[in-house]
């Protein structure tokens, strides 16, 4: 299968003082695949996602690399063409549904606006929008269409945002930590909803999260990001069963075990992540790594492909499979 999305050597920095925020990011996504990007806050996950849609905040810019989507380099497109793709072929679900929706417009009008903006030809737009709300499990769609975002609960707002993102049947859905602001029960419902919709539509998905546990049963592959770089990529099974980068191993060790009856203290990674622009030509994880050696502080490890898996480490942990 061909790549639907491919990021090659993507580097992002601030415009004014040229501080590096991500460096040489390489990830790919084939048609119908779900990929999770995992890492701590500040690792560059959201900036990477926003760069795909051309929505980087003011003062931040892509300085090198390519973002190829369905045969087109998004970084070289005219603004008009990029606006056509955004929302129609690539949709995004944001972390906070309250800020993603216009507070002074009804939910129905906001969904209808998406159809109108992209000149989507449907015989009955209102009926199409109503069906989209039903698909995402919003009860009483007639009432929902006339309601404002503040009249919805957090979970219902997020369902409305998901309905909006799926309205035009995009080829790729980008989800930026869409369950973070929700309680655990609602999180589970949203994860189940997205999984079912992705399967039904044969849609590709890029899921951004700081929690490895969230993507365990949601994605096909995982890319682990640290201090602006991808440090490990593999299938979900490979990442969870045989992590090779010490950082990935640390993330997994910090997850609580549901089946455990003991209340032992969770493992933690000592120290804090460095600022990406302060790393230089050395391993960004060196100061926190229990396996660090002199070479790690003197050279930058690059992603080294090992079959279907890649790891950026001079001394990767031996695979158990």
Protein backbone atom coordinates (compact mmCIF):
# COMPACT_ATOMS: atom_id res chain seq x y z
CA UNK A 1 0.00 0.00 0.00
CA UNK A 2 1.18 3.52 -0.75
CA UNK A 3 1.79 6.19 1.84
CA UNK A 4 -1.12 8.55 2.31
CA UNK A 5 0.94 10.86 4.52
CA UNK A 6 4.70 11.18 4.71
CA UNK A 7 6.72 13.65 6.77
CA UNK A 8 10.34 13.77 5.62
CA UNK A 9 13.03 15.66 7.53
CA UNK A 10 10.48 18.05 9.02
CA UNK A 11 12.08 20.74 11.19
CA UNK A 12 10.20 23.56 12.91
CA UNK A 13 11.65 26.60 14.66
CA UNK A 14 10.71 30.00 16.01
CA UNK A 15 10.88 32.80 13.44
CA UNK A 16 12.52 35.43 15.62
CA UNK A 17 15.32 33.72 17.56
CA UNK A 18 15.55 30.54 15.40
CA UNK A 19 15.04 28.15 18.31
CA UNK A 20 14.56 24.57 17.17
CA UNK A 21 11.21 23.06 18.22
CA UNK A 22 11.29 19.85 16.17
CA UNK A 23 14.17 18.40 14.18
CA UNK A 24 14.30 15.94 11.28
CA UNK A 25 10.92 14.34 11.96
CA UNK A 26 10.28 11.36 9.68
CA UNK A 27 6.99 9.49 9.90
CA UNK A 28 4.65 7.89 7.37
CA UNK A 29 1.10 6.63 7.32
CA UNK A 30 -0.38 4.26 4.75
CA UNK A 31 -4.00 4.35 3.66
CA UNK A 32 -6.32 3.00 6.34
CA UNK A 33 -3.61 2.94 9.04
CA UNK A 34 -3.75 4.48 12.50
CA UNK A 35 -0.54 5.92 13.93
CA UNK A 36 -0.08 7.23 17.46
CA UNK A 37 2.48 9.94 18.29
CA UNK A 38 3.34 9.74 21.99
CA UNK A 39 5.49 11.98 24.17
CA UNK A 40 5.58 14.36 27.10
CA UNK A 41 4.26 17.91 26.93
CA UNK A 42 6.61 20.11 24.91
CA UNK A 43 8.01 17.26 22.84
CA UNK A 44 6.67 18.71 19.58
CA UNK A 45 3.68 16.43 18.98
CA UNK A 46 1.06 19.14 18.50
CA UNK A 47 3.35 21.37 16.43
CA UNK A 48 3.98 18.42 14.11
CA UNK A 49 0.23 17.89 13.70
CA UNK A 50 -0.49 21.59 13.16
CA UNK A 51 2.24 21.83 10.51
CA UNK A 52 0.39 19.25 8.42
CA UNK A 53 -2.63 21.53 8.22
CA UNK A 54 -0.62 24.74 7.85
CA UNK A 55 -1.91 25.97 11.21
CA UNK A 56 1.31 26.67 13.09
CA UNK A 57 0.98 29.60 15.52
CA UNK A 58 2.36 32.99 14.56
CA UNK A 59 6.11 33.18 15.06
CA UNK A 60 6.65 29.47 14.36
CA UNK A 61 7.59 28.10 10.94
CA UNK A 62 8.70 25.01 9.06
CA UNK A 63 12.31 25.54 7.99
CA UNK A 64 13.05 22.27 6.20
CA UNK A 65 11.51 19.03 5.07
CA UNK A 66 8.42 17.93 3.19
CA UNK A 67 4.85 17.00 4.12
CA UNK A 68 3.46 14.82 1.35
CA UNK A 69 -0.24 13.99 1.43
CA UNK A 70 -1.91 11.92 -1.27
CA UNK A 71 0.80 12.85 -3.77
CA UNK A 72 1.02 16.57 -2.97
CA UNK A 73 3.62 18.43 -0.90
CA UNK A 74 1.43 20.47 1.44
CA UNK A 75 4.24 22.93 2.14
CA UNK A 76 4.38 24.05 -1.50
CA UNK A 77 0.65 24.41 -2.13
CA UNK A 78 -1.15 27.68 -2.75
CA UNK A 79 -3.23 28.80 0.27
CA UNK A 80 -6.47 28.23 -1.64
CA UNK A 81 -5.62 24.59 -2.38
CA UNK A 82 -4.54 24.00 1.21
CA UNK A 83 -7.87 25.37 2.45
CA UNK A 84 -9.66 22.91 0.14
CA UNK A 85 -7.77 19.99 1.69
CA UNK A 86 -8.16 21.23 5.26
CA UNK A 87 -11.47 20.00 6.63
CA UNK A 88 -12.39 18.03 3.52
CA UNK A 89 -9.53 15.56 3.03
CA UNK A 90 -7.78 16.11 6.38
CA UNK A 91 -9.79 16.89 9.51
CA UNK A 92 -8.66 17.59 13.05
CA UNK A 93 -10.18 17.03 16.47
CA UNK A 94 -8.70 19.34 19.09
CA UNK A 95 -7.99 18.81 22.77
CA UNK A 96 -10.52 21.30 24.11
CA UNK A 97 -13.93 21.05 22.41
CA UNK A 98 -15.08 24.33 23.97
CA UNK A 99 -12.46 26.37 22.14
CA UNK A 100 -12.94 24.36 18.94
CA UNK A 101 -16.57 25.44 18.67
CA UNK A 102 -17.90 28.97 18.13
CA UNK A 103 -19.76 29.91 21.33
CA UNK A 104 -22.19 32.29 19.58
CA UNK A 105 -23.34 29.91 16.84
CA UNK A 106 -25.62 26.92 17.22
CA UNK A 107 -24.00 23.53 16.72
CA UNK A 108 -26.23 22.91 13.70
CA UNK A 109 -25.18 26.13 11.96
CA UNK A 110 -21.52 25.33 12.57
CA UNK A 111 -21.87 21.94 10.88
CA UNK A 112 -23.85 23.44 8.01
CA UNK A 113 -21.10 26.05 7.58
CA UNK A 114 -18.60 23.26 6.90
CA UNK A 115 -20.76 21.94 4.06
CA UNK A 116 -21.27 25.43 2.68
CA UNK A 117 -17.57 26.38 2.83
CA UNK A 118 -16.51 23.32 0.85
CA UNK A 119 -19.48 23.53 -1.56
CA UNK A 120 -20.41 20.00 -0.58
CA UNK A 121 -23.30 18.91 -2.74
CA UNK A 122 -25.95 17.08 -0.74
CA UNK A 123 -29.66 17.11 -1.50
CA UNK A 124 -30.63 17.82 2.08
CA UNK A 125 -27.83 19.45 4.14
CA UNK A 126 -29.92 19.56 7.33
CA UNK A 127 -30.65 15.85 7.08
CA UNK A 128 -26.96 15.10 6.44
CA UNK A 129 -25.94 17.06 9.52
CA UNK A 130 -28.64 15.40 11.62
CA UNK A 131 -27.42 11.95 10.57
CA UNK A 132 -23.85 12.88 11.45
CA UNK A 133 -24.94 13.75 15.00
CA UNK A 134 -26.77 10.45 15.30
CA UNK A 135 -23.66 8.59 14.12
CA UNK A 136 -21.59 9.99 16.98
CA UNK A 137 -24.20 9.12 19.58
CA UNK A 138 -25.75 12.52 20.30
CA UNK A 139 -29.30 11.98 21.57
CA UNK A 140 -32.18 14.15 20.34
CA UNK A 141 -30.37 15.54 17.27
CA UNK A 142 -33.19 18.00 16.55
CA UNK A 143 -32.58 19.71 19.85
CA UNK A 144 -28.80 19.45 19.44
CA UNK A 145 -28.92 21.28 16.11
CA UNK A 146 -30.53 24.28 17.78
CA UNK A 147 -28.32 24.24 20.88
CA UNK A 148 -25.24 26.32 21.62
CA UNK A 149 -21.94 24.70 22.73
CA UNK A 150 -22.34 25.84 26.35
CA UNK A 151 -25.58 23.85 26.56
CA UNK A 152 -23.65 20.62 25.93
CA UNK A 153 -21.61 18.61 28.42
CA UNK A 154 -17.89 18.18 27.71
CA UNK A 155 -18.44 14.72 26.25
CA UNK A 156 -21.29 15.91 24.03
CA UNK A 157 -19.22 18.88 22.81
CA UNK A 158 -16.43 16.53 21.82
CA UNK A 159 -18.93 14.30 19.99
CA UNK A 160 -20.13 17.38 18.10
CA UNK A 161 -16.55 18.23 17.14
CA UNK A 162 -16.00 14.66 15.94
CA UNK A 163 -19.23 14.85 13.92
CA UNK A 164 -17.94 18.03 12.31
CA UNK A 165 -14.57 16.47 11.52
CA UNK A 166 -16.22 13.45 9.87
CA UNK A 167 -18.88 15.40 7.99
CA UNK A 168 -17.04 15.34 4.66
CA UNK A 169 -15.60 11.82 5.05
CA UNK A 170 -11.92 12.84 5.17
CA UNK A 171 -9.12 10.50 4.17
CA UNK A 172 -7.16 11.41 7.32
CA UNK A 173 -8.31 12.32 10.82
CA UNK A 174 -5.84 14.01 13.17
CA UNK A 175 -6.82 13.80 16.84
CA UNK A 176 -4.81 15.98 19.22
CA UNK A 177 -5.37 14.54 22.73
CA UNK A 178 -9.17 14.76 22.31
CA UNK A 179 -9.93 12.90 25.55
CA UNK A 180 -7.60 14.77 27.93
CA UNK A 181 -10.26 17.17 29.23
CA UNK A 182 -12.82 14.39 29.79
CA UNK A 183 -13.41 12.07 32.72
CA UNK A 184 -12.36 8.42 32.44
CA UNK A 185 -15.80 7.05 31.58
CA UNK A 186 -16.36 9.58 28.81
CA UNK A 187 -12.81 9.01 27.56
CA UNK A 188 -13.61 5.36 27.02
CA UNK A 189 -16.76 6.24 25.10
CA UNK A 190 -14.94 8.69 22.83
CA UNK A 191 -12.15 6.19 22.14
CA UNK A 192 -14.71 3.53 21.23
CA UNK A 193 -16.58 6.01 19.02
CA UNK A 194 -13.48 7.07 17.08
CA UNK A 195 -12.35 3.48 16.66
CA UNK A 196 -15.72 2.40 15.24
CA UNK A 197 -15.94 5.37 12.87
CA UNK A 198 -12.41 4.82 11.63
CA UNK A 199 -13.13 1.15 10.93
CA UNK A 200 -16.46 1.86 9.24
CA UNK A 201 -15.01 4.56 6.99
CA UNK A 202 -11.63 2.86 6.32
CA UNK A 203 -10.08 6.15 7.36
CA UNK A 204 -6.46 6.83 8.28
CA UNK A 205 -5.81 8.40 11.66
CA UNK A 206 -3.02 10.24 13.45
CA UNK A 207 -3.59 10.20 17.22
CA UNK A 208 -1.55 12.61 19.37
CA UNK A 209 -1.25 11.82 23.08
CA UNK A 210 1.05 11.93 26.11
CA UNK A 211 -0.41 8.67 27.39
CA UNK A 212 0.80 5.38 25.91
CA UNK A 213 -2.06 3.59 27.64
CA UNK A 214 -4.62 5.48 25.52
CA UNK A 215 -3.28 4.16 22.20
CA UNK A 216 -2.76 0.54 23.28
CA UNK A 217 -5.90 -0.72 21.53
CA UNK A 218 -6.47 2.21 19.19
CA UNK A 219 -3.57 2.38 16.70
CA UNK A 220 -1.56 0.07 14.47
CA UNK A 221 1.82 1.73 15.00
CA UNK A 222 3.37 4.09 17.52
CA UNK A 223 5.98 6.84 17.09
CA UNK A 224 7.58 7.98 20.36
CA UNK A 225 8.69 11.63 20.41
CA UNK A 226 11.13 13.25 22.80
CA UNK A 227 12.54 16.80 22.82
CA UNK A 228 11.48 17.48 19.24
CA UNK A 229 12.69 14.22 17.70
CA UNK A 230 11.25 10.79 16.96
CA UNK A 231 13.19 8.31 19.09
CA UNK A 232 11.37 5.07 18.33
CA UNK A 233 8.80 3.78 15.83
CA UNK A 234 7.21 0.35 15.71
CA UNK A 235 3.99 -1.59 15.65
CA UNK A 236 1.87 -1.24 18.77
CA UNK A 237 2.79 -4.79 19.76
CA UNK A 238 6.50 -4.12 19.30
CA UNK A 239 6.42 -0.91 21.33
CA UNK A 240 4.48 -2.42 24.21
CA UNK A 241 6.16 -5.83 24.29
CA UNK A 242 9.73 -4.94 23.31
CA UNK A 243 10.58 -1.25 23.81
CA UNK A 244 14.17 -0.62 22.74
CA UNK A 245 14.68 3.03 23.58
CA UNK A 246 15.22 3.72 27.31
CA UNK A 247 12.70 6.56 27.15
CA UNK A 248 9.98 4.29 25.73
CA UNK A 249 10.78 1.73 28.41
CA UNK A 250 10.45 4.45 31.06
CA UNK A 251 7.07 5.56 29.72
CA UNK A 252 5.74 2.03 29.81
CA UNK A 253 7.10 1.40 33.30
CA UNK A 254 5.20 4.43 34.57
CA UNK A 255 1.82 3.04 33.50
CA UNK A 256 -0.36 1.62 36.31
CA UNK A 257 -1.23 -2.08 36.00
CA UNK A 258 -4.97 -2.62 36.28
CA UNK A 259 -4.61 -6.26 37.30
CA UNK A 260 -2.17 -5.52 40.12
CA UNK A 261 -3.56 -5.75 43.66
CA UNK A 262 -0.58 -4.02 45.19
CA UNK A 263 -0.38 -0.27 45.67
CA UNK A 264 3.32 0.00 44.96
CA UNK A 265 4.74 3.36 43.87
CA UNK A 266 4.71 3.90 40.12
CA UNK A 267 8.06 4.09 38.35
CA UNK A 268 9.18 7.52 37.18
CA UNK A 269 11.85 8.92 34.88
CA UNK A 270 14.25 11.17 36.82
CA UNK A 271 14.83 14.73 35.69
CA UNK A 272 12.89 16.79 33.14
CA UNK A 273 12.98 16.91 29.32
CA UNK A 274 15.46 19.42 27.89
CA UNK A 275 14.39 22.29 25.65
CA UNK A 276 14.78 21.05 22.05
CA UNK A 277 16.94 24.03 21.09
CA UNK A 278 19.42 23.27 23.87
CA UNK A 279 20.10 19.65 22.93
CA UNK A 280 22.79 20.17 20.28
CA UNK A 281 24.58 17.23 18.70
CA UNK A 282 24.09 14.73 21.52
CA UNK A 283 21.41 12.35 22.71
CA UNK A 284 18.57 14.43 24.17
CA UNK A 285 17.79 11.71 26.71
CA UNK A 286 21.37 11.34 27.97
CA UNK A 287 20.87 13.23 31.25
CA UNK A 288 17.92 11.03 32.24
CA UNK A 289 19.13 7.68 30.92
CA UNK A 290 20.39 4.93 33.22
CA UNK A 291 22.35 3.38 30.34
CA UNK A 292 24.14 6.57 29.22
CA UNK A 293 27.72 6.31 27.98
CA UNK A 294 30.31 8.82 26.74
CA UNK A 295 29.29 8.41 23.10
CA UNK A 296 25.72 9.47 23.97
CA UNK A 297 26.96 12.88 25.13
CA UNK A 298 29.22 13.42 22.12
CA UNK A 299 27.08 12.29 19.17
CA UNK A 300 23.48 12.45 18.03
CA UNK A 301 21.84 9.04 17.54
CA UNK A 302 19.65 8.87 14.43
CA UNK A 303 16.71 6.57 13.75
CA UNK A 304 18.15 3.19 12.79
CA UNK A 305 15.76 0.87 11.00
CA UNK A 306 15.68 -2.68 12.39
CA UNK A 307 13.19 -4.50 10.22
CA UNK A 308 9.74 -3.00 10.83
CA UNK A 309 11.05 -1.03 13.79
CA UNK A 310 13.32 2.01 14.15
CA UNK A 311 15.12 3.33 17.22
CA UNK A 312 17.40 6.33 17.77
CA UNK A 313 19.77 4.91 20.36
CA UNK A 314 23.43 3.82 20.33
CA UNK A 315 22.73 1.14 22.93
CA UNK A 316 19.15 -0.04 22.41
CA UNK A 317 17.60 -2.43 24.89
CA UNK A 318 17.71 -5.99 23.59
CA UNK A 319 14.42 -7.11 22.06
CA UNK A 320 12.60 -9.87 23.91
CA UNK A 321 10.78 -11.12 20.82
